[in-house]
Amino acid sequence: MVKFGNLYVLDVKGPETGVYSVVLINNDGELILVDAGLPGLTGCLKGEIADCGFDISKVDKIIITHQDLDHIGSANDIKALNPNVEIISHEAEREYIDWTTVPIKLTQRKADYNKMSDDEKSDFDDFYCRWQSAKVNVDTVVSGNITVGAGDNLLLVHIPGHTPGHICVYVKSEKTLITGDALRAENGTLIGPSPIYTYDMDEAYESLKKLHGLDIERIVCYHGGVVEENAAKQLKELAKGS
């Protein structure tokens, strides 16, 4: 866990990967979690949040940046601890998060199902069921760019590309951008979205221009962690046409 004012970067390590969720205290005192990790990581999240001095059952809101399993995975477990927690996503992501529609990445992979070996089919079937069991109902949807909570402190910015309804979260009080999978980082250096897992790479890069006007001191990438050195400059250089 790393602390920046009222914002805490959580190192959520699981059996498959280490990722970086964020928990923060907003201006109105609400405890807000950005992205919920893979299924089965509730214990790790609980411990990390406890290290920040908070109780996971007291989380007021969970902002889900997009539909992927490693971002929604433990949201249902947290909701079981606090049925009043508010789940927030972009309107274009809700149907995939609650499984009204099968998530995009599964649909893409299922198209090649008949070409898979028996072992590959078995792995896919297990993964499909695991993802489906993690579905969660979204309480509040947003569209475009919108502020959440008191004092316009949290700005949710629609950054389509990785998925159609992907959002980033800008925390004004800490001058911090939380990117979800819109960007990745390696050893403190920003790199672009993953070409393997991104729905529309051209749109993903074009969308980064929406972030240029923000006063950014640091960037937190879900995959790769914190970027502080010349964070805003690195972001601008990654955007096409800058």
C-alpha atoms as a PDB file:
ATOM      1  CA  MET A   1       0.000   0.000   0.000  1.00  0.00           C
ATOM      2  CA  VAL A   2       1.205   3.496  -0.895  1.00  0.00           C
ATOM      3  CA  LYS A   3      -0.479   6.649   0.448  1.00  0.00           C
ATOM      4  CA  PHE A   4      -0.916   9.985  -1.332  1.00  0.00           C
ATOM      5  CA  GLY A   5      -2.997  12.286   0.877  1.00  0.00           C
ATOM      6  CA  ASN A   6      -6.446  10.702   1.119  1.00  0.00           C
ATOM      7  CA  LEU A   7      -5.710   8.239  -1.684  1.00  0.00           C
ATOM      8  CA  TYR A   8      -4.204   4.782  -1.159  1.00  0.00           C
ATOM      9  CA  VAL A   9      -2.814   2.518  -3.885  1.00  0.00           C
ATOM     10  CA  LEU A  10      -3.494  -1.120  -3.002  1.00  0.00           C
ATOM     11  CA  ASP A  11      -1.123  -3.858  -4.163  1.00  0.00           C
ATOM     12  CA  VAL A  12      -3.632  -6.651  -4.727  1.00  0.00           C
ATOM     13  CA  LYS A  13      -1.589  -9.776  -5.271  1.00  0.00           C
ATOM     14  CA  GLY A  14      -3.287 -12.979  -6.315  1.00  0.00           C
ATOM     15  CA  PRO A  15      -2.254 -16.353  -7.693  1.00  0.00           C
ATOM     16  CA  GLU A  16      -2.348 -15.030 -11.264  1.00  0.00           C
ATOM     17  CA  THR A  17      -1.168 -11.439 -11.176  1.00  0.00           C
ATOM     18  CA  GLY A  18      -0.502  -8.375  -9.068  1.00  0.00           C
ATOM     19  CA  VAL A  19      -2.784  -5.434  -9.764  1.00  0.00           C
ATOM     20  CA  TYR A  20      -3.315  -2.010  -8.251  1.00  0.00           C
ATOM     21  CA  SER A  21      -6.736  -1.018  -7.026  1.00  0.00           C
ATOM     22  CA  VAL A  22      -7.254   2.333  -5.319  1.00  0.00           C
ATOM     23  CA  VAL A  23      -9.234   3.266  -2.207  1.00  0.00           C
ATOM     24  CA  LEU A  24      -9.796   6.892  -1.269  1.00  0.00           C
ATOM     25  CA  ILE A  25     -11.682   9.148   1.088  1.00  0.00           C
ATOM     26  CA  ASN A  26     -13.672  11.665  -0.916  1.00  0.00           C
ATOM     27  CA  ASN A  27     -14.421  15.236   0.213  1.00  0.00           C
ATOM     28  CA  ASP A  28     -17.737  14.144   1.751  1.00  0.00           C
ATOM     29  CA  GLY A  29     -16.052  11.405   3.798  1.00  0.00           C
ATOM     30  CA  GLU A  30     -17.210   8.540   1.591  1.00  0.00           C
ATOM     31  CA  LEU A  31     -14.897   5.545   1.256  1.00  0.00           C
ATOM     32  CA  ILE A  32     -14.571   4.720  -2.437  1.00  0.00           C
ATOM     33  CA  LEU A  33     -12.880   1.741  -4.097  1.00  0.00           C
ATOM     34  CA  VAL A  34     -11.806   1.870  -7.735  1.00  0.00           C
ATOM     35  CA  ASP A  35     -11.853  -1.643  -9.254  1.00  0.00           C
ATOM     36  CA  ALA A  36     -12.360  -4.810  -7.259  1.00  0.00           C
ATOM     37  CA  GLY A  37      -9.680  -7.259  -8.394  1.00  0.00           C
ATOM     38  CA  LEU A  38     -10.079 -10.871  -9.432  1.00  0.00           C
ATOM     39  CA  PRO A  39     -12.539 -13.279  -7.798  1.00  0.00           C
ATOM     40  CA  GLY A  40     -11.131 -14.689  -4.579  1.00  0.00           C
ATOM     41  CA  LEU A  41      -9.057 -11.613  -3.740  1.00  0.00           C
ATOM     42  CA  THR A  42     -11.473 -10.188  -1.188  1.00  0.00           C
ATOM     43  CA  GLY A  43      -9.197 -11.292   1.645  1.00  0.00           C
ATOM     44  CA  CYS A  44      -6.243  -9.503   0.092  1.00  0.00           C
ATOM     45  CA  LEU A  45      -8.321  -6.379  -0.511  1.00  0.00           C
ATOM     46  CA  LYS A  46      -9.603  -6.549   3.069  1.00  0.00           C
ATOM     47  CA  GLY A  47      -6.060  -6.705   4.424  1.00  0.00           C
ATOM     48  CA  GLU A  48      -4.791  -3.884   2.223  1.00  0.00           C
ATOM     49  CA  ILE A  49      -7.755  -1.660   3.123  1.00  0.00           C
ATOM     50  CA  ALA A  50      -7.247  -2.492   6.813  1.00  0.00           C
ATOM     51  CA  ASP A  51      -3.621  -1.389   6.490  1.00  0.00           C
ATOM     52  CA  CYS A  52      -4.987   1.981   5.351  1.00  0.00           C
ATOM     53  CA  GLY A  53      -7.016   2.160   8.569  1.00  0.00           C
ATOM     54  CA  PHE A  54     -10.400   1.287   7.057  1.00  0.00           C
ATOM     55  CA  ASP A  55     -12.893  -1.579   7.097  1.00  0.00           C
ATOM     56  CA  ILE A  56     -13.801  -3.127   3.753  1.00  0.00           C
ATOM     57  CA  SER A  57     -17.418  -3.476   4.925  1.00  0.00           C
ATOM     58  CA  LYS A  58     -17.556   0.333   5.185  1.00  0.00           C
ATOM     59  CA  VAL A  59     -16.824   0.942   1.488  1.00  0.00           C
ATOM     60  CA  ASP A  60     -19.577   3.265   0.236  1.00  0.00           C
ATOM     61  CA  LYS A  61     -18.973   3.092  -3.518  1.00  0.00           C
ATOM     62  CA  ILE A  62     -17.157   0.826  -5.971  1.00  0.00           C
ATOM     63  CA  ILE A  63     -16.289   2.465  -9.279  1.00  0.00           C
ATOM     64  CA  ILE A  64     -15.693  -0.187 -11.937  1.00  0.00           C
ATOM     65  CA  THR A  65     -13.601   1.153 -14.789  1.00  0.00           C
ATOM     66  CA  HIS A  66     -14.775  -1.552 -17.195  1.00  0.00           C
ATOM     67  CA  GLN A  67     -16.264  -5.001 -17.637  1.00  0.00           C
ATOM     68  CA  ASP A  68     -13.205  -7.300 -17.399  1.00  0.00           C
ATOM     69  CA  LEU A  69     -13.078 -10.074 -14.822  1.00  0.00           C
ATOM     70  CA  ASP A  70     -10.021  -8.746 -13.000  1.00  0.00           C
ATOM     71  CA  HIS A  71     -11.871  -5.479 -12.334  1.00  0.00           C
ATOM     72  CA  ILE A  72     -15.279  -6.787 -11.229  1.00  0.00           C
ATOM     73  CA  GLY A  73     -14.150 -10.032  -9.592  1.00  0.00           C
ATOM     74  CA  SER A  74     -14.567  -9.340  -5.863  1.00  0.00           C
ATOM     75  CA  ALA A  75     -17.326  -6.701  -6.079  1.00  0.00           C
ATOM     76  CA  ASN A  76     -20.055  -9.196  -5.186  1.00  0.00           C
ATOM     77  CA  ASP A  77     -18.161 -10.346  -2.092  1.00  0.00           C
ATOM     78  CA  ILE A  78     -17.832  -6.748  -0.927  1.00  0.00           C
ATOM     79  CA  LYS A  79     -21.523  -6.172  -1.595  1.00  0.00           C
ATOM     80  CA  ALA A  80     -22.296  -9.197   0.577  1.00  0.00           C
ATOM     81  CA  LEU A  81     -20.415  -7.478   3.429  1.00  0.00           C
ATOM     82  CA  ASN A  82     -22.223  -4.194   2.796  1.00  0.00           C
ATOM     83  CA  PRO A  83     -25.474  -4.546   0.800  1.00  0.00           C
ATOM     84  CA  ASN A  84     -25.709  -0.745   0.585  1.00  0.00           C
ATOM     85  CA  VAL A  85     -22.470  -0.314  -1.355  1.00  0.00           C
ATOM     86  CA  GLU A  86     -23.132   1.518  -4.627  1.00  0.00           C
ATOM     87  CA  ILE A  87     -21.682  -0.033  -7.803  1.00  0.00           C
ATOM     88  CA  ILE A  88     -20.910   2.563 -10.486  1.00  0.00           C
ATOM     89  CA  SER A  89     -19.925   2.044 -14.129  1.00  0.00           C
ATOM     90  CA  HIS A  90     -20.357   3.637 -17.526  1.00  0.00           C
ATOM     91  CA  GLU A  91     -23.726   2.923 -19.125  1.00  0.00           C
ATOM     92  CA  ALA A  92     -22.049   1.070 -22.014  1.00  0.00           C
ATOM     93  CA  GLU A  93     -20.479  -1.423 -19.596  1.00  0.00           C
ATOM     94  CA  ARG A  94     -23.466  -2.343 -17.430  1.00  0.00           C
ATOM     95  CA  GLU A  95     -24.883  -5.043 -19.692  1.00  0.00           C
ATOM     96  CA  TYR A  96     -21.528  -6.859 -19.618  1.00  0.00           C
ATOM     97  CA  ILE A  97     -20.896  -6.407 -15.892  1.00  0.00           C
ATOM     98  CA  ASP A  98     -24.311  -7.856 -14.972  1.00  0.00           C
ATOM     99  CA  TRP A  99     -24.141 -10.426 -17.782  1.00  0.00           C
ATOM    100  CA  THR A 100     -27.247  -9.285 -19.629  1.00  0.00           C
ATOM    101  CA  THR A 101     -24.763  -9.579 -22.501  1.00  0.00           C
ATOM    102  CA  VAL A 102     -21.705 -11.865 -22.544  1.00  0.00           C
ATOM    103  CA  PRO A 103     -18.533  -9.773 -22.043  1.00  0.00           C
ATOM    104  CA  ILE A 104     -16.734  -8.761 -25.220  1.00  0.00           C
ATOM    105  CA  LYS A 105     -13.510 -10.676 -24.626  1.00  0.00           C
ATOM    106  CA  LEU A 106     -15.412 -13.916 -24.021  1.00  0.00           C
ATOM    107  CA  THR A 107     -17.473 -13.391 -27.161  1.00  0.00           C
ATOM    108  CA  GLN A 108     -14.300 -12.884 -29.184  1.00  0.00           C
ATOM    109  CA  ARG A 109     -12.670 -16.020 -27.768  1.00  0.00           C
ATOM    110  CA  LYS A 110     -15.802 -18.131 -28.104  1.00  0.00           C
ATOM    111  CA  ALA A 111     -15.826 -17.466 -31.845  1.00  0.00           C
ATOM    112  CA  ASP A 112     -12.745 -19.703 -32.068  1.00  0.00           C
ATOM    113  CA  TYR A 113     -14.141 -22.382 -29.755  1.00  0.00           C
ATOM    114  CA  ASN A 114     -14.434 -25.077 -32.433  1.00  0.00           C
ATOM    115  CA  LYS A 115     -10.778 -24.572 -33.348  1.00  0.00           C
ATOM    116  CA  MET A 116      -9.609 -25.218 -29.778  1.00  0.00           C
ATOM    117  CA  SER A 117      -8.126 -28.447 -28.491  1.00  0.00           C
ATOM    118  CA  ASP A 118     -10.043 -30.355 -25.828  1.00  0.00           C
ATOM    119  CA  ASP A 119      -7.757 -28.949 -23.128  1.00  0.00           C
ATOM    120  CA  GLU A 120      -8.220 -25.415 -24.446  1.00  0.00           C
ATOM    121  CA  LYS A 121     -11.986 -25.884 -24.497  1.00  0.00           C
ATOM    122  CA  SER A 122     -11.919 -27.112 -20.907  1.00  0.00           C
ATOM    123  CA  ASP A 123      -9.843 -24.102 -19.813  1.00  0.00           C
ATOM    124  CA  PHE A 124     -12.187 -21.754 -21.641  1.00  0.00           C
ATOM    125  CA  ASP A 125     -15.282 -23.364 -20.113  1.00  0.00           C
ATOM    126  CA  ASP A 126     -13.810 -22.993 -16.618  1.00  0.00           C
ATOM    127  CA  PHE A 127     -12.878 -19.379 -17.281  1.00  0.00           C
ATOM    128  CA  TYR A 128     -16.336 -18.655 -18.705  1.00  0.00           C
ATOM    129  CA  CYS A 129     -18.055 -20.037 -15.596  1.00  0.00           C
ATOM    130  CA  ARG A 130     -15.688 -18.190 -13.279  1.00  0.00           C
ATOM    131  CA  TRP A 131     -16.421 -14.904 -15.030  1.00  0.00           C
ATOM    132  CA  GLN A 132     -20.169 -15.502 -15.056  1.00  0.00           C
ATOM    133  CA  SER A 133     -20.187 -16.246 -11.326  1.00  0.00           C
ATOM    134  CA  ALA A 134     -18.533 -12.858 -10.673  1.00  0.00           C
ATOM    135  CA  LYS A 135     -21.305 -10.840 -12.334  1.00  0.00           C
ATOM    136  CA  VAL A 136     -22.675  -7.994 -10.256  1.00  0.00           C
ATOM    137  CA  ASN A 137     -25.586  -5.600 -10.630  1.00  0.00           C
ATOM    138  CA  VAL A 138     -24.652  -1.996 -11.364  1.00  0.00           C
ATOM    139  CA  ASP A 139     -26.584   0.522  -9.267  1.00  0.00           C
ATOM    140  CA  THR A 140     -25.581   3.743 -11.017  1.00  0.00           C
ATOM    141  CA  VAL A 141     -24.492   4.342 -14.602  1.00  0.00           C
ATOM    142  CA  VAL A 142     -22.765   7.409 -15.988  1.00  0.00           C
ATOM    143  CA  SER A 143     -22.378   8.717 -19.516  1.00  0.00           C
ATOM    144  CA  GLY A 144     -19.833  11.084 -20.957  1.00  0.00           C
ATOM    145  CA  ASN A 145     -17.733  12.814 -18.313  1.00  0.00           C
ATOM    146  CA  ILE A 146     -19.292  13.381 -14.887  1.00  0.00           C
ATOM    147  CA  THR A 147     -18.259  14.278 -11.354  1.00  0.00           C
ATOM    148  CA  VAL A 148     -19.120  12.034  -8.412  1.00  0.00           C
ATOM    149  CA  GLY A 149     -19.492  12.997  -4.764  1.00  0.00           C
ATOM    150  CA  ALA A 150     -19.039  16.315  -2.984  1.00  0.00           C
ATOM    151  CA  GLY A 151     -17.000  19.240  -4.278  1.00  0.00           C
ATOM    152  CA  ASP A 152     -16.637  17.878  -7.811  1.00  0.00           C
ATOM    153  CA  ASN A 153     -13.545  16.075  -6.534  1.00  0.00           C
ATOM    154  CA  LEU A 154     -13.901  12.901  -8.610  1.00  0.00           C
ATOM    155  CA  LEU A 155     -14.171  13.223 -12.361  1.00  0.00           C
ATOM    156  CA  LEU A 156     -15.108  10.112 -14.335  1.00  0.00           C
ATOM    157  CA  VAL A 157     -13.806  10.436 -17.891  1.00  0.00           C
ATOM    158  CA  HIS A 158     -15.133   8.211 -20.675  1.00  0.00           C
ATOM    159  CA  ILE A 159     -12.083   6.718 -22.427  1.00  0.00           C
ATOM    160  CA  PRO A 160     -13.414   4.190 -24.973  1.00  0.00           C
ATOM    161  CA  GLY A 161     -11.038   1.861 -26.738  1.00  0.00           C
ATOM    162  CA  HIS A 162      -9.967  -0.860 -24.342  1.00  0.00           C
ATOM    163  CA  THR A 163     -13.712  -1.481 -24.029  1.00  0.00           C
ATOM    164  CA  PRO A 164     -16.540   0.738 -25.331  1.00  0.00           C
ATOM    165  CA  GLY A 165     -17.464   2.109 -21.900  1.00  0.00           C
ATOM    166  CA  HIS A 166     -14.085   2.266 -20.192  1.00  0.00           C
ATOM    167  CA  ILE A 167     -13.702   5.131 -17.714  1.00  0.00           C
ATOM    168  CA  CYS A 168     -10.733   6.712 -15.963  1.00  0.00           C
ATOM    169  CA  VAL A 169     -11.037   8.422 -12.579  1.00  0.00           C
ATOM    170  CA  TYR A 170      -9.370  11.774 -11.900  1.00  0.00           C
ATOM    171  CA  VAL A 171      -9.003  12.724  -8.234  1.00  0.00           C
ATOM    172  CA  LYS A 172      -8.716  16.516  -8.175  1.00  0.00           C
ATOM    173  CA  SER A 173      -7.589  16.855  -4.540  1.00  0.00           C
ATOM    174  CA  GLU A 174      -4.591  14.575  -5.122  1.00  0.00           C
ATOM    175  CA  LYS A 175      -3.960  15.507  -8.792  1.00  0.00           C
ATOM    176  CA  THR A 176      -4.040  11.783  -9.510  1.00  0.00           C
ATOM    177  CA  LEU A 177      -5.352   9.936 -12.562  1.00  0.00           C
ATOM    178  CA  ILE A 178      -6.523   6.331 -12.116  1.00  0.00           C
ATOM    179  CA  THR A 179      -6.428   4.715 -15.545  1.00  0.00           C
ATOM    180  CA  GLY A 180      -7.885   1.223 -15.240  1.00  0.00           C
ATOM    181  CA  ASP A 181      -6.597  -0.495 -18.395  1.00  0.00           C
ATOM    182  CA  ALA A 182      -6.553   2.615 -20.600  1.00  0.00           C
ATOM    183  CA  LEU A 183      -2.814   2.740 -19.863  1.00  0.00           C
ATOM    184  CA  ARG A 184      -0.222   0.398 -18.396  1.00  0.00           C
ATOM    185  CA  ALA A 185       3.109   1.068 -16.689  1.00  0.00           C
ATOM    186  CA  GLU A 186       6.469  -0.628 -16.424  1.00  0.00           C
ATOM    187  CA  ASN A 187       9.032   0.510 -13.833  1.00  0.00           C
ATOM    188  CA  GLY A 188       7.548   3.987 -13.599  1.00  0.00           C
ATOM    189  CA  THR A 189       7.166   4.464 -17.341  1.00  0.00           C
ATOM    190  CA  LEU A 190       3.801   4.734 -19.061  1.00  0.00           C
ATOM    191  CA  ILE A 191       3.077   2.393 -21.929  1.00  0.00           C
ATOM    192  CA  GLY A 192      -0.034   2.201 -24.042  1.00  0.00           C
ATOM    193  CA  PRO A 193      -2.999  -0.109 -23.667  1.00  0.00           C
ATOM    194  CA  SER A 194      -2.411  -3.793 -24.355  1.00  0.00           C
ATOM    195  CA  PRO A 195      -2.777  -4.545 -28.088  1.00  0.00           C
ATOM    196  CA  ILE A 196      -3.806  -8.113 -27.259  1.00  0.00           C
ATOM    197  CA  TYR A 197      -6.682  -7.204 -24.964  1.00  0.00           C
ATOM    198  CA  THR A 198      -7.868  -3.862 -26.360  1.00  0.00           C
ATOM    199  CA  TYR A 199     -11.098  -3.764 -28.346  1.00  0.00           C
ATOM    200  CA  ASP A 200     -10.119  -0.802 -30.571  1.00  0.00           C
ATOM    201  CA  MET A 201      -6.499   0.385 -30.376  1.00  0.00           C
ATOM    202  CA  ASP A 202      -6.979   3.458 -32.580  1.00  0.00           C
ATOM    203  CA  GLU A 203      -9.853   4.650 -30.418  1.00  0.00           C
ATOM    204  CA  ALA A 204      -7.926   3.836 -27.237  1.00  0.00           C
ATOM    205  CA  TYR A 205      -5.075   6.154 -28.230  1.00  0.00           C
ATOM    206  CA  GLU A 206      -7.374   8.856 -29.589  1.00  0.00           C
ATOM    207  CA  SER A 207      -9.310   8.851 -26.306  1.00  0.00           C
ATOM    208  CA  LEU A 208      -6.193   9.751 -24.336  1.00  0.00           C
ATOM    209  CA  LYS A 209      -6.488  13.298 -25.690  1.00  0.00           C
ATOM    210  CA  LYS A 210      -9.457  13.779 -23.353  1.00  0.00           C
ATOM    211  CA  LEU A 211      -7.032  13.683 -20.431  1.00  0.00           C
ATOM    212  CA  HIS A 212      -4.663  16.430 -21.627  1.00  0.00           C
ATOM    213  CA  GLY A 213      -6.356  19.288 -19.780  1.00  0.00           C
ATOM    214  CA  LEU A 214      -6.154  17.653 -16.357  1.00  0.00           C
ATOM    215  CA  ASP A 215      -3.639  18.849 -13.755  1.00  0.00           C
ATOM    216  CA  ILE A 216      -1.853  15.544 -13.224  1.00  0.00           C
ATOM    217  CA  GLU A 217       1.019  14.887 -10.812  1.00  0.00           C
ATOM    218  CA  ARG A 218       0.771  11.103 -10.794  1.00  0.00           C
ATOM    219  CA  ILE A 219      -0.911   8.285 -12.670  1.00  0.00           C
ATOM    220  CA  VAL A 220      -1.997   4.944 -11.217  1.00  0.00           C
ATOM    221  CA  CYS A 221      -2.243   2.119 -13.752  1.00  0.00           C
ATOM    222  CA  TYR A 222      -4.145  -1.012 -12.798  1.00  0.00           C
ATOM    223  CA  HIS A 223      -1.362  -3.033 -14.392  1.00  0.00           C
ATOM    224  CA  GLY A 224       1.967  -1.498 -13.460  1.00  0.00           C
ATOM    225  CA  GLY A 225       1.197   0.804 -10.548  1.00  0.00           C
ATOM    226  CA  VAL A 226       2.271   4.399  -9.910  1.00  0.00           C
ATOM    227  CA  VAL A 227       3.935   6.750 -12.406  1.00  0.00           C
ATOM    228  CA  GLU A 228       5.150  10.071 -10.974  1.00  0.00           C
ATOM    229  CA  GLU A 229       8.145  11.309 -12.976  1.00  0.00           C
ATOM    230  CA  ASN A 230       6.863  13.588 -15.769  1.00  0.00           C
ATOM    231  CA  ALA A 231       3.530  11.769 -15.618  1.00  0.00           C
ATOM    232  CA  ALA A 232       1.546  14.401 -17.546  1.00  0.00           C
ATOM    233  CA  LYS A 233       4.260  14.715 -20.193  1.00  0.00           C
ATOM    234  CA  GLN A 234       4.451  10.947 -20.635  1.00  0.00           C
ATOM    235  CA  LEU A 235       0.678  10.825 -21.065  1.00  0.00           C
ATOM    236  CA  LYS A 236       0.682  13.546 -23.689  1.00  0.00           C
ATOM    237  CA  GLU A 237       3.455  11.857 -25.664  1.00  0.00           C
ATOM    238  CA  LEU A 238       1.467   8.636 -25.822  1.00  0.00           C
ATOM    239  CA  ALA A 239      -1.608  10.269 -27.323  1.00  0.00           C
ATOM    240  CA  LYS A 240      -1.791  10.254 -31.092  1.00  0.00           C
ATOM    241  CA  GLY A 241      -1.439  13.641 -32.701  1.00  0.00           C
ATOM    242  CA  SER A 242       0.192  15.275 -29.699  1.00  0.00           C
END
